[in-house]
Amino acid sequence: MFGAGLGLALGSALCAAWVRRGSRTFSGLVAGTMGYLVALAPLLVLSRPSDMTVSEAAGDAAFFVVPAAIFAALGATVGSFAVTTLVSHGQRQEQ
């Protein structure tokens, strides 16, 4: 699950870096959360052990929404900060 969290953080950071209009951090957070809901949560349910019911697996997937959102927020914040810092640093050197 830690690897999936790092993947969400990286994807959120890249999304925040590529956004041109609007809030970079919010866009990265939405992208990371949607990545979890569209890809990771169904994977957790579909790859459940044979002795686990679908409702138990869905409960586990719901439990991991909070850590996934934390990783997504961390990645979005780092990506937004990095791009803002690089852009402002580049503008200072041009002047």
N, C-alpha and C. Protein backbone atom coordinates (compact mmCIF):
# COMPACT_ATOMS: atom_id res chain seq x y z
N MET A 1 0.82 -1.19 0.00
CA MET A 1 0.00 0.00 0.00
C MET A 1 0.87 1.26 0.00
N PHE A 2 2.06 1.15 0.58
CA PHE A 2 2.95 2.31 0.60
C PHE A 2 3.39 2.69 -0.80
N GLY A 3 3.66 1.70 -1.64
CA GLY A 3 4.04 1.96 -3.02
C GLY A 3 2.92 2.63 -3.79
N ALA A 4 1.70 2.20 -3.54
CA ALA A 4 0.55 2.84 -4.19
C ALA A 4 0.42 4.29 -3.73
N GLY A 5 0.68 4.54 -2.46
CA GLY A 5 0.64 5.91 -1.95
C GLY A 5 1.71 6.78 -2.60
N LEU A 6 2.89 6.22 -2.79
CA LEU A 6 3.95 6.99 -3.47
C LEU A 6 3.57 7.26 -4.92
N GLY A 7 2.93 6.30 -5.56
CA GLY A 7 2.46 6.51 -6.93
C GLY A 7 1.42 7.62 -7.01
N LEU A 8 0.51 7.63 -6.04
CA LEU A 8 -0.49 8.70 -5.99
C LEU A 8 0.17 10.05 -5.76
N ALA A 9 1.17 10.08 -4.88
CA ALA A 9 1.86 11.34 -4.60
C ALA A 9 2.59 11.84 -5.84
N LEU A 10 3.24 10.94 -6.57
CA LEU A 10 3.95 11.34 -7.79
C LEU A 10 2.97 11.82 -8.86
N GLY A 11 1.88 11.11 -9.04
CA GLY A 11 0.88 11.53 -10.01
C GLY A 11 0.25 12.86 -9.66
N SER A 12 0.00 13.08 -8.39
CA SER A 12 -0.57 14.35 -7.95
C SER A 12 0.42 15.50 -8.16
N ALA A 13 1.70 15.22 -7.90
CA ALA A 13 2.72 16.25 -8.09
C ALA A 13 2.84 16.62 -9.57
N LEU A 14 2.83 15.61 -10.44
CA LEU A 14 2.91 15.89 -11.87
C LEU A 14 1.68 16.64 -12.37
N CYS A 15 0.52 16.27 -11.89
CA CYS A 15 -0.70 16.98 -12.28
C CYS A 15 -0.64 18.43 -11.82
N ALA A 16 -0.20 18.65 -10.60
CA ALA A 16 -0.09 20.02 -10.09
C ALA A 16 0.92 20.82 -10.91
N ALA A 17 1.95 20.16 -11.40
CA ALA A 17 2.97 20.86 -12.19
C ALA A 17 2.44 21.24 -13.57
N TRP A 18 1.56 20.43 -14.14
CA TRP A 18 1.10 20.67 -15.50
C TRP A 18 -0.13 21.55 -15.61
N VAL A 19 -0.75 21.86 -14.51
CA VAL A 19 -1.96 22.70 -14.56
C VAL A 19 -1.54 24.13 -14.89
N ARG A 20 -2.25 24.74 -15.83
CA ARG A 20 -1.93 26.11 -16.24
C ARG A 20 -2.85 27.13 -15.61
N ARG A 21 -4.12 26.77 -15.41
CA ARG A 21 -5.10 27.71 -14.85
C ARG A 21 -5.74 27.07 -13.63
N GLY A 22 -6.07 27.91 -12.67
CA GLY A 22 -6.73 27.41 -11.47
C GLY A 22 -5.72 27.00 -10.41
N SER A 23 -6.23 26.40 -9.38
CA SER A 23 -5.39 26.00 -8.26
C SER A 23 -4.61 24.73 -8.59
N ARG A 24 -3.30 24.81 -8.53
CA ARG A 24 -2.46 23.64 -8.79
C ARG A 24 -2.66 22.58 -7.71
N THR A 25 -2.70 23.00 -6.47
CA THR A 25 -2.82 22.06 -5.37
C THR A 25 -4.16 21.33 -5.42
N PHE A 26 -5.23 22.05 -5.66
CA PHE A 26 -6.55 21.41 -5.73
C PHE A 26 -6.63 20.44 -6.90
N SER A 27 -6.07 20.81 -8.03
CA SER A 27 -6.10 19.94 -9.20
C SER A 27 -5.31 18.65 -8.94
N GLY A 28 -4.15 18.77 -8.30
CA GLY A 28 -3.37 17.59 -7.96
C GLY A 28 -4.09 16.70 -6.96
N LEU A 29 -4.76 17.31 -6.00
CA LEU A 29 -5.51 16.53 -5.01
C LEU A 29 -6.67 15.79 -5.66
N VAL A 30 -7.38 16.46 -6.56
CA VAL A 30 -8.49 15.81 -7.27
C VAL A 30 -7.97 14.66 -8.13
N ALA A 31 -6.86 14.88 -8.82
CA ALA A 31 -6.29 13.83 -9.67
C ALA A 31 -5.87 12.62 -8.85
N GLY A 32 -5.24 12.85 -7.72
CA GLY A 32 -4.82 11.74 -6.86
C GLY A 32 -5.99 10.98 -6.27
N THR A 33 -7.01 11.71 -5.84
CA THR A 33 -8.19 11.06 -5.28
C THR A 33 -8.93 10.27 -6.35
N MET A 34 -9.06 10.83 -7.53
CA MET A 34 -9.72 10.11 -8.61
C MET A 34 -8.91 8.89 -9.04
N GLY A 35 -7.61 9.00 -9.01
CA GLY A 35 -6.76 7.85 -9.31
C GLY A 35 -7.00 6.72 -8.34
N TYR A 36 -7.17 7.06 -7.07
CA TYR A 36 -7.46 6.02 -6.08
C TYR A 36 -8.83 5.41 -6.33
N LEU A 37 -9.82 6.26 -6.53
CA LEU A 37 -11.19 5.75 -6.69
C LEU A 37 -11.38 4.95 -7.98
N VAL A 38 -10.69 5.34 -9.04
CA VAL A 38 -10.87 4.67 -10.34
C VAL A 38 -9.98 3.44 -10.48
N ALA A 39 -8.78 3.47 -9.94
CA ALA A 39 -7.84 2.37 -10.17
C ALA A 39 -7.57 1.52 -8.93
N LEU A 40 -7.17 2.14 -7.83
CA LEU A 40 -6.71 1.35 -6.69
C LEU A 40 -7.83 0.71 -5.88
N ALA A 41 -8.90 1.43 -5.63
CA ALA A 41 -10.01 0.86 -4.85
C ALA A 41 -10.62 -0.36 -5.54
N PRO A 42 -10.93 -0.28 -6.86
CA PRO A 42 -11.44 -1.50 -7.51
C PRO A 42 -10.42 -2.64 -7.50
N LEU A 43 -9.13 -2.30 -7.60
CA LEU A 43 -8.11 -3.34 -7.56
C LEU A 43 -8.08 -4.02 -6.20
N LEU A 44 -8.24 -3.25 -5.13
CA LEU A 44 -8.29 -3.85 -3.80
C LEU A 44 -9.48 -4.79 -3.64
N VAL A 45 -10.60 -4.43 -4.22
CA VAL A 45 -11.80 -5.27 -4.12
C VAL A 45 -11.67 -6.50 -5.00
N LEU A 46 -11.19 -6.31 -6.22
CA LEU A 46 -11.12 -7.44 -7.16
C LEU A 46 -10.01 -8.43 -6.83
N SER A 47 -8.97 -8.01 -6.17
CA SER A 47 -7.85 -8.91 -5.83
C SER A 47 -7.91 -9.36 -4.38
N ARG A 48 -9.09 -9.39 -3.81
CA ARG A 48 -9.25 -9.79 -2.42
C ARG A 48 -8.93 -11.28 -2.26
N PRO A 49 -8.54 -11.71 -1.06
CA PRO A 49 -8.33 -13.14 -0.81
C PRO A 49 -9.65 -13.91 -0.92
N SER A 50 -9.56 -15.20 -1.13
CA SER A 50 -10.76 -16.01 -1.34
C SER A 50 -11.64 -16.11 -0.09
N ASP A 51 -11.06 -15.90 1.08
CA ASP A 51 -11.86 -15.99 2.30
C ASP A 51 -12.45 -14.65 2.73
N MET A 52 -12.35 -13.64 1.90
CA MET A 52 -12.87 -12.31 2.21
C MET A 52 -14.07 -12.02 1.32
N THR A 53 -15.12 -11.49 1.90
CA THR A 53 -16.30 -11.15 1.11
C THR A 53 -16.08 -9.81 0.40
N VAL A 54 -16.92 -9.53 -0.56
CA VAL A 54 -16.82 -8.28 -1.31
C VAL A 54 -17.06 -7.09 -0.39
N SER A 55 -18.00 -7.22 0.53
CA SER A 55 -18.29 -6.11 1.43
C SER A 55 -17.12 -5.84 2.38
N GLU A 56 -16.41 -6.89 2.81
CA GLU A 56 -15.23 -6.67 3.64
C GLU A 56 -14.12 -5.98 2.85
N ALA A 57 -13.95 -6.41 1.61
CA ALA A 57 -12.92 -5.80 0.76
C ALA A 57 -13.27 -4.34 0.46
N ALA A 58 -14.56 -4.06 0.24
CA ALA A 58 -14.98 -2.68 0.00
C ALA A 58 -14.75 -1.83 1.25
N GLY A 59 -14.96 -2.42 2.42
CA GLY A 59 -14.68 -1.71 3.67
C GLY A 59 -13.20 -1.39 3.82
N ASP A 60 -12.36 -2.35 3.44
CA ASP A 60 -10.92 -2.09 3.47
C ASP A 60 -10.54 -0.99 2.49
N ALA A 61 -11.12 -1.02 1.30
CA ALA A 61 -10.84 0.02 0.31
C ALA A 61 -11.29 1.39 0.82
N ALA A 62 -12.44 1.43 1.49
CA ALA A 62 -12.93 2.68 2.05
C ALA A 62 -12.02 3.17 3.18
N PHE A 63 -11.47 2.24 3.94
CA PHE A 63 -10.56 2.60 5.03
C PHE A 63 -9.30 3.28 4.49
N PHE A 64 -8.82 2.84 3.33
CA PHE A 64 -7.59 3.38 2.77
C PHE A 64 -7.79 4.68 1.99
N VAL A 65 -9.00 5.21 1.96
CA VAL A 65 -9.23 6.50 1.29
C VAL A 65 -8.46 7.61 2.01
N VAL A 66 -8.45 7.59 3.32
CA VAL A 66 -7.79 8.66 4.08
C VAL A 66 -6.28 8.67 3.85
N PRO A 67 -5.58 7.52 3.98
CA PRO A 67 -4.14 7.57 3.67
C PRO A 67 -3.86 7.94 2.22
N ALA A 68 -4.71 7.48 1.30
CA ALA A 68 -4.51 7.83 -0.11
C ALA A 68 -4.67 9.33 -0.31
N ALA A 69 -5.65 9.93 0.33
CA ALA A 69 -5.85 11.38 0.21
C ALA A 69 -4.68 12.15 0.82
N ILE A 70 -4.11 11.62 1.88
CA ILE A 70 -2.94 12.28 2.49
C ILE A 70 -1.76 12.25 1.53
N PHE A 71 -1.51 11.10 0.91
CA PHE A 71 -0.43 11.02 -0.07
C PHE A 71 -0.70 11.92 -1.27
N ALA A 72 -1.94 11.97 -1.72
CA ALA A 72 -2.30 12.83 -2.86
C ALA A 72 -2.10 14.30 -2.50
N ALA A 73 -2.51 14.69 -1.30
CA ALA A 73 -2.33 16.08 -0.86
C ALA A 73 -0.85 16.43 -0.73
N LEU A 74 -0.07 15.50 -0.22
CA LEU A 74 1.37 15.74 -0.08
C LEU A 74 2.01 15.93 -1.46
N GLY A 75 1.67 15.05 -2.39
CA GLY A 75 2.23 15.17 -3.74
C GLY A 75 1.78 16.45 -4.43
N ALA A 76 0.52 16.80 -4.29
CA ALA A 76 0.00 18.01 -4.91
C ALA A 76 0.67 19.25 -4.34
N THR A 77 0.89 19.26 -3.05
CA THR A 77 1.54 20.40 -2.40
C THR A 77 2.99 20.53 -2.85
N VAL A 78 3.70 19.41 -2.89
CA VAL A 78 5.10 19.44 -3.31
C VAL A 78 5.21 19.86 -4.77
N GLY A 79 4.35 19.32 -5.62
CA GLY A 79 4.38 19.69 -7.04
C GLY A 79 4.07 21.16 -7.26
N SER A 80 3.08 21.66 -6.58
CA SER A 80 2.70 23.06 -6.70
C SER A 80 3.82 23.98 -6.20
N PHE A 81 4.39 23.62 -5.07
CA PHE A 81 5.48 24.42 -4.50
C PHE A 81 6.69 24.41 -5.42
N ALA A 82 7.02 23.25 -5.97
CA ALA A 82 8.20 23.14 -6.83
C ALA A 82 8.04 23.99 -8.08
N VAL A 83 6.89 23.92 -8.71
CA VAL A 83 6.68 24.70 -9.94
C VAL A 83 6.64 26.19 -9.63
N THR A 84 5.99 26.58 -8.57
CA THR A 84 5.93 27.99 -8.20
C THR A 84 7.32 28.52 -7.90
N THR A 85 8.13 27.74 -7.22
CA THR A 85 9.49 28.15 -6.89
C THR A 85 10.34 28.25 -8.15
N LEU A 86 10.23 27.28 -9.03
CA LEU A 86 11.02 27.30 -10.27
C LEU A 86 10.62 28.46 -11.17
N VAL A 87 9.34 28.72 -11.27
CA VAL A 87 8.86 29.82 -12.13
C VAL A 87 9.31 31.16 -11.57
N SER A 88 9.16 31.36 -10.27
CA SER A 88 9.55 32.65 -9.69
C SER A 88 11.07 32.81 -9.72
N HIS A 89 11.82 31.74 -9.58
CA HIS A 89 13.28 31.81 -9.65
C HIS A 89 13.72 32.15 -11.07
N GLY A 90 13.06 31.57 -12.07
CA GLY A 90 13.39 31.87 -13.46
C GLY A 90 13.08 33.31 -13.83
N GLN A 91 12.00 33.86 -13.29
CA GLN A 91 11.64 35.24 -13.59
C GLN A 91 12.63 36.21 -12.96
N ARG A 92 13.16 35.87 -11.79
CA ARG A 92 14.13 36.76 -11.14
C ARG A 92 15.43 36.81 -11.93
N GLN A 93 15.85 35.69 -12.50
CA GLN A 93 17.11 35.69 -13.24
C GLN A 93 17.00 36.39 -14.57
N GLU A 94 15.81 36.44 -15.18
CA GLU A 94 15.62 37.12 -16.47
C GLU A 94 15.69 38.63 -16.32
N GLN A 95 15.36 39.16 -15.17
CA GLN A 95 15.30 40.60 -14.99
C GLN A 95 16.64 41.21 -14.86
